[in-house]
Amino acid sequence: MVVRDPFTKPFCGAEDLGKAIPENDHAVSVCLPRWEDVIGYEEGKAEVIDAFESGYPRFVPHPFVAELFLAAQEEFAKKDEVAMVFPSLAAAWRCADYIKRRCGATSRLESYGWENLTAVLFKEEAFTWGWKYWQHSGEIVSSRLAEAALADAPVNDEAVEAGKQAISVLRQRIAKLYHGLTGKDVFLFSSGMAAIAAVHRLLLIDKPEDPSIQIEFPYLDSLKVQQEFAEAGAADFSITESGGVEEVKTWFEEGKRATAVFTELPSNPLLRTANLERLASILNKKGVPLVVDDTVATAINTDAFRYADVVTTSLTKMFSGAGDVAGGAVVVKPGTEFYELLRERLPSEEAASPLFLHDARVLEVNSRHFRERVEATNENAAELVDWLRTRPEIKNLWHPSSECRDYYDQVRRSSWGYGALISFVIKGGEPAARAFYDALAISKGPSLGTDFSLVCPYTLLAHYDELEWAAKRGAPANLLRIWVGLEDPEDLRGRFEEAFGVLGESG
């Protein structure tokens, strides 16, 4: 079988609706080729949803995962019950507890009988809350894990040993990115969100009544984790004028407390960076950890540990590059106030939502040329940014090279760049954005960090039910986000030119 090449034949036409991106049994993106398809997905229209071959794993159940849920339901469910399957008893219990707190429904837990997989069974009307837990927590069963469980055969000794070796290599490879760390400082999870949720959960243990603080407008579930999984919620400083410094200073001057401060390097999708240097100075005096997610910038371009106490990162994205595996990491820094505490507590969290052995083997291979891919996409994105800034069709453009650049430069490694994620708004409102998006010959779907370019109407996808809220935080409904891949920059410009040409025709 000839596998479709997304570089020469991007997933972008109406006929590509629902196709897995890339063409792979374990793809983590799905094609939404037209603006109306994005809206159809958000509104749950059958003609869109039923076309899906795959999807982002926390938002769309992979066919293998859906089959696993059904298998658990057929084996364990009582009348009117449905089932979800989680990677461990601990994760399943947390889901059941979340459902109980949110809608009052009770759940039953059953061992699925393969590894540590555990089924959660509840009345069908509670499924919305079960799925929200899956999405927000990131404690997912990967497609490869589901496939193996459905086969109901033990992983042979050779595969187990290869998986363990891959995990060891990954720990060391990630540790080396941050310099001075060892593999013992790296903890691997089933997704990037599982990594964030684990850190949040552990830091809550000692301060259960205190909220966390979010600086800059983050990726959807980075904030949801803090809001949904803590009684005190989160102080939302998504809009800052000082990189969060004045907001945090005022917070503590008013006698308030916090479990931790969370921020992204840079934020997704507005690509803003907090004033990490000043924040760290304030937080160190207060004994509050600074947690930085460097997924977008990567540890190649930046060194978050100049100021962070804990770093989280999604391995699904640029670290993998192939778009065919999910994973996440928590990295802790020796010498900080929180190091020993987290080193002691993180192994149990890692065991509750681990990186599956088969996924680890794929991720190890994918990440071998991480540095080279970062360098190439940095250059491609910088060239595209410079060109887009000259285009009269562009109303707003966000990139770390201009957004909060001084703050980004605090942690930017010498001679490295600003990353390959760009957000922009087309002049002419939604009609223009719709026409441009529909015409753009670049693969269209969620996620980022793939070797090939990937575009989506980010605000519509992430905040469809809260568009006004997102707009107040600087992310308009018509915002488009593009991940710039390894394509030739001239080729990408040509594709943009063609889409811009449609605007001229419609105008």
Protein backbone atom coordinates (compact mmCIF):
# COMPACT_ATOMS: atom_id res chain seq x y z
CA MET A 1 0.00 0.00 0.00
CA VAL A 2 1.27 3.45 -0.94
CA VAL A 3 1.01 5.82 2.01
CA ARG A 4 -0.09 9.34 1.18
CA ASP A 5 2.68 11.93 1.46
CA PRO A 6 1.34 15.03 3.29
CA PHE A 7 4.17 17.14 1.87
CA THR A 8 3.15 16.64 -1.75
CA LYS A 9 -0.52 15.83 -1.22
CA PRO A 10 -1.77 17.66 1.87
CA PHE A 11 -5.03 16.67 3.54
CA CYS A 12 -7.02 19.76 2.65
CA GLY A 13 -9.80 19.08 0.14
CA ALA A 14 -13.49 18.50 0.83
CA GLU A 15 -13.01 14.84 -0.08
CA ASP A 16 -10.51 14.52 2.79
CA LEU A 17 -13.05 15.17 5.54
CA GLY A 18 -12.36 12.85 8.45
CA LYS A 19 -9.21 11.31 7.04
CA ALA A 20 -6.49 10.50 9.54
CA ILE A 21 -3.51 12.88 9.43
CA PRO A 22 -1.06 11.35 8.65
CA GLU A 23 -2.27 8.20 6.89
CA ASN A 24 -1.45 5.91 9.79
CA ASP A 25 -3.43 3.60 12.07
CA HIS A 26 -2.29 5.65 15.07
CA ALA A 27 -2.56 9.18 13.68
CA VAL A 28 -3.25 11.94 16.21
CA SER A 29 -4.94 14.44 13.89
CA VAL A 30 -7.94 14.42 11.59
CA CYS A 31 -8.77 16.46 8.52
CA LEU A 32 -11.35 19.25 8.83
CA PRO A 33 -10.96 20.74 5.36
CA ARG A 34 -13.65 23.43 5.40
CA TRP A 35 -14.75 26.03 7.90
CA GLU A 36 -18.22 24.49 7.92
CA ASP A 37 -16.67 21.11 8.85
CA VAL A 38 -15.10 22.67 11.93
CA ILE A 39 -18.47 24.08 12.98
CA GLY A 40 -20.14 20.76 12.17
CA TYR A 41 -17.67 18.94 14.40
CA GLU A 42 -18.24 21.38 17.26
CA GLU A 43 -22.01 21.03 16.92
CA GLY A 44 -21.81 17.24 16.77
CA LYS A 45 -23.22 16.85 13.27
CA ALA A 46 -23.31 13.20 12.27
CA GLU A 47 -22.16 13.81 8.70
CA VAL A 48 -18.90 15.20 10.08
CA ILE A 49 -18.33 12.98 13.11
CA ASP A 50 -19.20 9.78 11.27
CA ALA A 51 -16.54 10.54 8.67
CA PHE A 52 -13.72 10.54 11.23
CA GLU A 53 -11.07 7.86 10.81
CA SER A 54 -9.11 9.26 13.72
CA GLY A 55 -8.78 12.40 15.83
CA TYR A 56 -6.78 14.03 18.58
CA PRO A 57 -6.71 11.27 21.24
CA ARG A 58 -8.14 13.30 24.13
CA PHE A 59 -11.00 14.69 22.04
CA VAL A 60 -11.99 11.90 19.69
CA PRO A 61 -12.03 8.22 20.67
CA HIS A 62 -9.69 6.34 18.36
CA PRO A 63 -11.42 3.37 16.68
CA PHE A 64 -9.34 0.94 18.78
CA VAL A 65 -10.22 2.85 21.96
CA ALA A 66 -13.92 2.96 21.04
CA GLU A 67 -13.78 -0.80 20.44
CA LEU A 68 -12.13 -1.30 23.83
CA PHE A 69 -14.86 0.74 25.55
CA LEU A 70 -17.48 -1.40 23.82
CA ALA A 71 -15.73 -4.62 24.81
CA ALA A 72 -15.70 -3.51 28.45
CA GLN A 73 -19.35 -2.52 28.22
CA GLU A 74 -20.34 -5.88 26.78
CA GLU A 75 -18.46 -7.75 29.49
CA PHE A 76 -19.29 -5.72 32.59
CA ALA A 77 -22.22 -3.35 32.04
CA LYS A 78 -25.57 -3.67 33.72
CA LYS A 79 -28.75 -2.23 32.20
CA ASP A 80 -28.34 1.35 30.90
CA GLU A 81 -24.63 1.44 31.78
CA VAL A 82 -21.80 2.48 29.49
CA ALA A 83 -18.09 1.91 29.96
CA MET A 84 -14.82 3.75 29.62
CA VAL A 85 -11.41 2.17 30.16
CA PHE A 86 -8.48 3.87 31.87
CA PRO A 87 -4.83 2.84 32.15
CA SER A 88 -4.96 2.11 35.90
CA LEU A 89 -7.18 1.73 38.93
CA ALA A 90 -6.01 5.13 40.21
CA ALA A 91 -6.97 6.91 36.99
CA ALA A 92 -10.32 5.11 36.87
CA TRP A 93 -11.05 6.04 40.47
CA ARG A 94 -10.29 9.69 39.75
CA CYS A 95 -12.70 9.60 36.81
CA ALA A 96 -15.42 8.08 39.00
CA ASP A 97 -14.81 10.70 41.68
CA TYR A 98 -14.99 13.50 39.11
CA ILE A 99 -18.30 12.19 37.73
CA LYS A 100 -19.71 11.99 41.25
CA ARG A 101 -18.66 15.55 42.08
CA ARG A 102 -19.92 17.02 38.82
CA CYS A 103 -23.29 15.32 38.36
CA GLY A 104 -23.87 13.12 41.39
CA ALA A 105 -23.79 9.86 39.44
CA THR A 106 -22.13 6.82 40.96
CA SER A 107 -19.78 4.53 39.05
CA ARG A 108 -18.52 0.99 39.31
CA LEU A 109 -14.94 -0.08 38.67
CA GLU A 110 -13.95 -3.40 37.13
CA SER A 111 -10.52 -4.76 36.27
CA TYR A 112 -10.44 -5.20 32.50
CA GLY A 113 -8.07 -8.11 32.95
CA TRP A 114 -5.21 -6.92 30.77
CA GLU A 115 -2.24 -5.23 32.42
CA ASN A 116 -3.63 -2.54 34.75
CA LEU A 117 -6.54 -1.45 32.57
CA THR A 118 -9.62 -0.61 34.60
CA ALA A 119 -13.17 -0.06 33.37
CA VAL A 120 -15.42 2.65 34.78
CA LEU A 121 -19.14 1.92 34.38
CA PHE A 122 -21.89 4.47 34.87
CA LYS A 123 -25.31 5.45 33.57
CA GLU A 124 -25.29 6.76 30.02
CA GLU A 125 -26.41 10.25 31.06
CA ALA A 126 -23.11 10.69 32.95
CA PHE A 127 -20.95 9.95 29.89
CA THR A 128 -20.41 13.65 29.18
CA TRP A 129 -18.61 14.01 32.50
CA GLY A 130 -16.62 10.82 32.03
CA TRP A 131 -15.42 12.07 28.68
CA LYS A 132 -14.59 15.48 30.13
CA TYR A 133 -12.34 13.74 32.64
CA TRP A 134 -10.61 11.84 29.82
CA GLN A 135 -10.11 15.07 27.88
CA HIS A 136 -8.98 17.33 30.71
CA SER A 137 -6.85 14.84 32.64
CA GLY A 138 -5.10 13.25 29.68
CA GLU A 139 -5.11 9.89 31.51
CA ILE A 140 -5.88 8.10 28.30
CA VAL A 141 -5.52 4.62 26.88
CA SER A 142 -3.47 5.06 23.73
CA SER A 143 -4.50 3.49 20.44
CA ARG A 144 -1.58 1.03 20.62
CA LEU A 145 -2.47 0.04 24.18
CA ALA A 146 -6.11 -0.46 23.18
CA GLU A 147 -5.04 -2.52 20.16
CA ALA A 148 -2.86 -4.75 22.34
CA ALA A 149 -5.59 -5.19 24.95
CA LEU A 150 -8.15 -6.12 22.32
CA ALA A 151 -5.78 -8.77 20.97
CA ASP A 152 -5.81 -10.17 24.53
CA ALA A 153 -2.30 -11.54 24.24
CA PRO A 154 0.55 -10.79 26.64
CA VAL A 155 3.35 -8.61 25.34
CA ASN A 156 6.22 -10.99 24.66
CA ASP A 157 9.45 -10.73 26.63
CA GLU A 158 11.41 -9.36 23.69
CA ALA A 159 8.90 -6.54 23.14
CA VAL A 160 8.82 -5.77 26.86
CA GLU A 161 12.60 -5.49 26.97
CA ALA A 162 12.65 -3.31 23.83
CA GLY A 163 9.98 -1.05 25.35
CA LYS A 164 11.84 -0.70 28.63
CA GLN A 165 15.03 0.11 26.75
CA ALA A 166 13.17 2.76 24.72
CA ILE A 167 11.83 4.33 27.91
CA SER A 168 15.33 4.45 29.37
CA VAL A 169 16.69 6.07 26.21
CA LEU A 170 13.84 8.61 26.19
CA ARG A 171 14.47 9.59 29.81
CA GLN A 172 18.14 10.18 29.09
CA ARG A 173 17.48 11.96 25.79
CA ILE A 174 15.02 14.36 27.41
CA ALA A 175 17.29 14.94 30.41
CA LYS A 176 20.17 15.91 28.11
CA LEU A 177 18.02 18.60 26.50
CA TYR A 178 18.01 20.50 29.79
CA HIS A 179 21.70 19.97 30.66
CA GLY A 180 22.87 18.79 34.06
CA LEU A 181 19.90 16.48 34.57
CA THR A 182 19.73 12.70 34.53
CA GLY A 183 17.10 10.22 33.42
CA LYS A 184 15.96 9.97 37.04
CA ASP A 185 14.67 13.55 36.76
CA VAL A 186 12.32 12.68 33.87
CA PHE A 187 8.89 11.07 34.24
CA LEU A 188 6.93 9.81 31.23
CA PHE A 189 3.15 9.88 30.82
CA SER A 190 0.48 8.82 28.35
CA SER A 191 -0.03 12.43 27.19
CA GLY A 192 1.22 15.95 27.79
CA MET A 193 -1.98 16.81 29.64
CA ALA A 194 -1.52 13.81 31.94
CA ALA A 195 1.87 15.26 32.83
CA ILE A 196 0.39 18.67 33.67
CA ALA A 197 -2.48 17.13 35.64
CA ALA A 198 -0.05 14.99 37.64
CA VAL A 199 2.02 18.01 38.69
CA HIS A 200 -1.10 19.98 39.59
CA ARG A 201 -2.46 17.07 41.62
CA LEU A 202 0.79 16.56 43.55
CA LEU A 203 1.22 20.22 44.40
CA LEU A 204 -2.35 20.32 45.70
CA ILE A 205 -1.61 17.69 48.34
CA ASP A 206 0.07 20.15 50.68
CA LYS A 207 -2.13 23.15 49.84
CA PRO A 208 -5.56 21.70 49.00
CA GLU A 209 -7.43 24.90 49.84
CA ASP A 210 -5.26 27.22 47.75
CA PRO A 211 -5.84 28.07 44.08
CA SER A 212 -3.20 27.90 41.42
CA ILE A 213 -2.35 30.89 39.24
CA GLN A 214 -2.35 30.87 35.44
CA ILE A 215 -0.22 33.48 33.67
CA GLU A 216 -1.03 34.31 30.01
CA PHE A 217 -3.86 32.77 27.98
CA PRO A 218 -3.05 29.05 27.81
CA TYR A 219 -4.03 26.06 25.78
CA LEU A 220 -7.61 25.07 26.62
CA ASP A 221 -7.05 22.13 28.97
CA SER A 222 -4.03 23.60 30.74
CA LEU A 223 -6.48 25.95 32.42
CA LYS A 224 -9.31 23.40 32.67
CA VAL A 225 -7.08 21.10 34.74
CA GLN A 226 -6.63 23.84 37.31
CA GLN A 227 -10.27 24.90 37.30
CA GLU A 228 -11.89 21.46 37.26
CA PHE A 229 -9.62 19.43 39.54
CA ALA A 230 -9.24 21.74 42.55
CA GLU A 231 -11.89 23.07 44.90
CA ALA A 232 -10.22 26.49 44.92
CA GLY A 233 -9.86 26.58 41.14
CA ALA A 234 -7.41 28.95 39.51
CA ALA A 235 -6.68 32.65 39.42
CA ASP A 236 -6.88 33.40 35.71
CA PHE A 237 -4.39 36.07 34.67
CA SER A 238 -4.73 35.37 30.96
CA ILE A 239 -4.41 39.07 30.18
CA THR A 240 -1.27 40.69 31.54
CA GLU A 241 0.62 43.89 30.85
CA SER A 242 3.74 42.99 32.80
CA GLY A 243 4.29 39.36 31.99
CA GLY A 244 2.28 38.50 35.08
CA VAL A 245 4.56 40.29 37.52
CA GLU A 246 2.19 42.99 38.74
CA GLU A 247 -0.72 40.56 38.98
CA VAL A 248 1.27 38.11 41.08
CA LYS A 249 2.76 40.84 43.26
CA THR A 250 -0.68 42.23 43.99
CA TRP A 251 -2.03 38.74 44.68
CA PHE A 252 0.48 38.11 47.43
CA GLU A 253 0.36 41.67 48.77
CA GLU A 254 -3.35 41.11 49.40
CA GLY A 255 -2.43 38.17 51.61
CA LYS A 256 -3.58 35.48 49.19
CA ARG A 257 -1.89 32.12 48.76
CA ALA A 258 -1.23 29.81 45.81
CA THR A 259 -0.30 26.19 45.20
CA ALA A 260 1.72 27.01 42.09
CA VAL A 261 2.01 29.32 39.11
CA PHE A 262 1.49 27.74 35.69
CA THR A 263 2.46 29.26 32.35
CA GLU A 264 3.40 28.21 28.82
CA LEU A 265 6.57 29.02 26.90
CA PRO A 266 5.13 30.57 24.84
CA SER A 267 1.36 30.52 25.26
CA ASN A 268 -0.84 28.73 22.74
CA PRO A 269 -2.26 30.29 20.55
CA LEU A 270 -1.21 33.90 21.26
CA LEU A 271 2.47 32.98 21.61
CA ARG A 272 3.12 35.31 24.52
CA THR A 273 5.75 34.64 27.17
CA ALA A 274 5.55 35.52 30.84
CA ASN A 275 8.29 37.47 32.61
CA LEU A 276 9.79 34.31 34.05
CA GLU A 277 12.81 36.02 35.60
CA ARG A 278 10.76 38.42 37.73
CA LEU A 279 8.10 35.83 38.50
CA ALA A 280 10.72 33.38 39.78
CA SER A 281 12.17 36.07 42.03
CA ILE A 282 8.76 36.70 43.62
CA LEU A 283 7.77 33.05 43.87
CA ASN A 284 11.04 31.88 45.39
CA LYS A 285 10.45 34.20 48.34
CA LYS A 286 6.92 32.84 48.76
CA GLY A 287 7.81 29.17 48.45
CA VAL A 288 5.53 28.76 45.43
CA PRO A 289 6.70 26.62 42.48
CA LEU A 290 6.83 27.93 38.92
CA VAL A 291 5.61 25.30 36.44
CA VAL A 292 6.42 25.98 32.78
CA ASP A 293 5.19 24.00 29.78
CA ASP A 294 7.71 24.35 26.93
CA THR A 295 5.90 22.28 24.31
CA VAL A 296 5.69 25.08 21.74
CA ALA A 297 9.17 26.56 22.21
CA THR A 298 10.87 23.19 22.87
CA ALA A 299 13.90 22.63 25.07
CA ILE A 300 16.08 23.05 22.00
CA ASN A 301 15.17 26.71 21.55
CA THR A 302 14.77 27.61 25.22
CA ASP A 303 15.94 26.69 28.71
CA ALA A 304 12.91 27.06 30.94
CA PHE A 305 14.94 25.82 33.91
CA ARG A 306 16.73 29.13 34.14
CA TYR A 307 13.70 30.09 36.20
CA ALA A 308 11.24 27.17 36.38
CA ASP A 309 11.02 24.62 39.18
CA VAL A 310 9.16 22.08 37.05
CA VAL A 311 8.87 21.71 33.28
CA THR A 312 6.13 19.80 31.49
CA THR A 313 6.11 19.04 27.79
CA SER A 314 3.97 17.21 25.27
CA LEU A 315 5.99 14.56 23.47
CA THR A 316 3.12 14.18 20.99
CA LYS A 317 4.16 17.35 19.21
CA MET A 318 7.59 18.43 17.95
CA PHE A 319 9.53 15.85 19.97
CA SER A 320 7.83 13.13 17.92
CA GLY A 321 7.21 15.05 14.72
CA ALA A 322 5.49 12.13 13.00
CA GLY A 323 1.99 12.71 14.38
CA ASP A 324 1.51 9.02 15.16
CA VAL A 325 2.07 8.70 18.91
CA ALA A 326 1.06 10.50 22.12
CA GLY A 327 3.11 11.07 25.24
CA GLY A 328 4.13 13.62 27.82
CA ALA A 329 6.91 14.32 30.30
CA VAL A 330 7.47 15.98 33.64
CA VAL A 331 11.03 17.14 34.28
CA VAL A 332 12.18 18.25 37.73
CA LYS A 333 15.21 20.35 38.53
CA PRO A 334 17.71 19.29 41.20
CA GLY A 335 18.41 21.88 43.85
CA THR A 336 14.99 23.47 43.96
CA GLU A 337 12.84 23.52 47.07
CA PHE A 338 10.38 21.11 45.47
CA TYR A 339 12.78 18.62 43.90
CA GLU A 340 12.84 15.88 46.54
CA LEU A 341 9.11 16.13 47.16
CA LEU A 342 8.26 15.70 43.48
CA ARG A 343 10.88 13.00 42.92
CA GLU A 344 9.26 11.04 45.74
CA ARG A 345 5.67 11.48 44.54
CA LEU A 346 5.94 11.38 40.76
CA PRO A 347 6.64 7.64 40.30
CA SER A 348 3.17 6.68 41.53
CA GLU A 349 1.61 9.27 39.22
CA GLU A 350 3.66 8.00 36.30
CA ALA A 351 2.53 4.44 37.02
CA ALA A 352 -1.13 5.51 36.96
CA SER A 353 -0.93 6.92 33.42
CA PRO A 354 2.25 5.54 31.90
CA LEU A 355 3.74 5.78 28.46
CA PHE A 356 2.88 2.39 26.93
CA LEU A 357 5.89 0.30 25.90
CA HIS A 358 4.88 0.12 22.22
CA ASP A 359 4.37 3.90 22.14
CA ALA A 360 7.78 4.40 23.75
CA ARG A 361 9.47 2.43 20.98
CA VAL A 362 7.81 4.56 18.30
CA LEU A 363 8.58 7.78 20.14
CA GLU A 364 12.23 6.84 20.60
CA VAL A 365 12.67 6.36 16.86
CA ASN A 366 10.70 9.49 15.95
CA SER A 367 12.72 11.73 18.28
CA ARG A 368 16.20 10.80 17.07
CA HIS A 369 16.45 13.88 14.85
CA PHE A 370 14.54 16.28 17.09
CA ARG A 371 17.26 18.94 17.09
CA GLU A 372 17.62 19.02 13.31
CA ARG A 373 13.86 19.33 12.82
CA VAL A 374 13.64 22.20 15.30
CA GLU A 375 16.40 24.06 13.49
CA ALA A 376 14.78 23.59 10.09
CA THR A 377 11.26 24.57 11.18
CA ASN A 378 12.62 27.61 13.05
CA GLU A 379 14.12 28.87 9.81
CA ASN A 380 11.05 28.09 7.72
CA ALA A 381 8.72 29.82 10.16
CA ALA A 382 10.93 32.89 10.47
CA GLU A 383 10.91 33.26 6.69
CA LEU A 384 7.13 32.85 6.50
CA VAL A 385 6.57 35.34 9.34
CA ASP A 386 8.68 37.97 7.60
CA TRP A 387 6.74 37.47 4.38
CA LEU A 388 3.30 37.45 6.01
CA ARG A 389 4.06 40.75 7.73
CA THR A 390 4.29 42.33 4.28
CA ARG A 391 0.92 41.02 3.13
CA PRO A 392 -1.97 43.49 3.09
CA GLU A 393 -4.45 40.67 3.78
CA ILE A 394 -3.08 40.11 7.30
CA LYS A 395 -4.77 42.05 10.09
CA ASN A 396 -2.92 40.59 13.08
CA LEU A 397 -0.04 38.17 13.41
CA TRP A 398 1.38 36.54 16.52
CA HIS A 399 4.82 34.93 16.80
CA PRO A 400 7.32 34.84 19.69
CA SER A 401 9.77 36.87 17.62
CA SER A 402 7.50 39.87 18.22
CA GLU A 403 5.14 38.92 21.06
CA CYS A 404 6.82 39.53 24.45
CA ARG A 405 10.18 38.98 22.75
CA ASP A 406 12.20 40.37 25.66
CA TYR A 407 10.63 37.83 27.99
CA TYR A 408 11.16 34.98 25.54
CA ASP A 409 14.79 36.02 25.13
CA GLN A 410 15.30 35.60 28.88
CA VAL A 411 15.26 31.85 28.30
CA ARG A 412 16.17 31.56 24.61
CA ARG A 413 19.31 29.56 24.04
CA SER A 414 22.12 31.35 22.23
CA SER A 415 21.82 31.12 18.43
CA TRP A 416 18.46 29.33 18.62
CA GLY A 417 15.11 30.61 17.46
CA TYR A 418 11.47 31.37 18.16
CA GLY A 419 9.68 28.23 17.08
CA ALA A 420 7.40 27.33 14.21
CA LEU A 421 3.91 28.16 15.48
CA ILE A 422 2.19 31.24 14.03
CA SER A 423 -1.27 32.66 14.64
CA PHE A 424 -2.91 35.26 12.44
CA VAL A 425 -6.18 36.96 11.54
CA ILE A 426 -7.23 37.80 7.97
CA LYS A 427 -8.80 41.17 7.23
CA GLY A 428 -12.49 40.99 6.35
CA GLY A 429 -13.89 39.09 9.33
CA GLU A 430 -15.35 35.59 9.23
CA PRO A 431 -16.25 35.55 5.49
CA ALA A 432 -12.63 36.24 4.56
CA ALA A 433 -11.25 33.81 7.14
CA ARG A 434 -13.62 31.12 5.91
CA ALA A 435 -12.74 31.65 2.24
CA PHE A 436 -9.01 31.70 2.96
CA TYR A 437 -9.09 28.59 5.14
CA ASP A 438 -11.18 26.63 2.66
CA ALA A 439 -8.77 27.50 -0.15
CA LEU A 440 -5.46 26.96 1.67
CA ALA A 441 -3.67 23.86 0.37
CA ILE A 442 -2.10 22.86 3.68
CA SER A 443 -3.17 19.89 5.80
CA LYS A 444 -6.03 21.02 8.03
CA GLY A 445 -6.54 19.57 11.47
CA PRO A 446 -5.75 19.92 15.17
CA SER A 447 -2.33 19.44 16.80
CA LEU A 448 1.08 20.90 15.99
CA GLY A 449 4.71 19.89 15.80
CA THR A 450 4.38 17.57 12.81
CA ASP A 451 7.08 17.35 10.17
CA PHE A 452 4.51 18.68 7.71
CA SER A 453 2.59 21.95 8.08
CA LEU A 454 -0.78 21.90 9.79
CA VAL A 455 -3.40 24.65 10.03
CA CYS A 456 -6.66 25.06 11.94
CA PRO A 457 -9.13 27.76 13.06
CA TYR A 458 -7.84 27.37 16.59
CA THR A 459 -10.32 29.45 18.56
CA LEU A 460 -13.29 27.76 16.91
CA LEU A 461 -11.87 24.33 17.66
CA ALA A 462 -10.77 24.97 21.23
CA HIS A 463 -13.31 27.50 22.49
CA TYR A 464 -16.47 27.08 20.42
CA ASP A 465 -18.70 27.21 23.50
CA GLU A 466 -16.88 30.20 24.96
CA LEU A 467 -15.94 32.37 21.98
CA GLU A 468 -16.74 35.63 23.73
CA TRP A 469 -14.62 34.61 26.71
CA ALA A 470 -11.70 33.77 24.42
CA ALA A 471 -12.08 37.01 22.46
CA LYS A 472 -11.83 39.02 25.68
CA ARG A 473 -8.50 37.31 26.27
CA GLY A 474 -7.20 38.28 22.86
CA ALA A 475 -8.09 35.22 20.78
CA PRO A 476 -10.76 36.21 18.22
CA ALA A 477 -13.07 33.61 16.71
CA ASN A 478 -11.49 34.05 13.28
CA LEU A 479 -7.95 33.33 14.47
CA LEU A 480 -6.05 30.83 12.33
CA ARG A 481 -3.06 28.93 13.68
CA ILE A 482 -0.43 27.33 11.49
CA TRP A 483 2.34 24.99 12.43
CA VAL A 484 5.14 25.46 9.89
CA GLY A 485 6.71 22.17 8.89
CA LEU A 486 9.67 21.09 6.80
CA GLU A 487 8.23 22.09 3.41
CA ASP A 488 10.24 24.45 1.26
CA PRO A 489 9.32 28.03 2.31
CA GLU A 490 8.78 29.03 -1.31
CA ASP A 491 6.29 26.18 -1.67
CA LEU A 492 4.40 27.36 1.43
CA ARG A 493 4.33 30.94 0.17
CA GLY A 494 2.87 29.69 -3.09
CA ARG A 495 0.05 27.95 -1.26
CA PHE A 496 -0.67 31.09 0.75
CA GLU A 497 -0.61 33.17 -2.45
CA GLU A 498 -3.27 30.95 -3.99
CA ALA A 499 -5.50 31.27 -0.92
CA PHE A 500 -4.98 35.03 -0.80
CA GLY A 501 -6.00 35.09 -4.45
CA VAL A 502 -9.41 33.68 -3.53
CA LEU A 503 -9.90 36.69 -1.26
CA GLY A 504 -9.25 38.97 -4.17
CA GLU A 505 -11.76 37.12 -6.33
CA SER A 506 -14.44 37.22 -3.63
CA GLY A 507 -13.81 40.86 -2.90
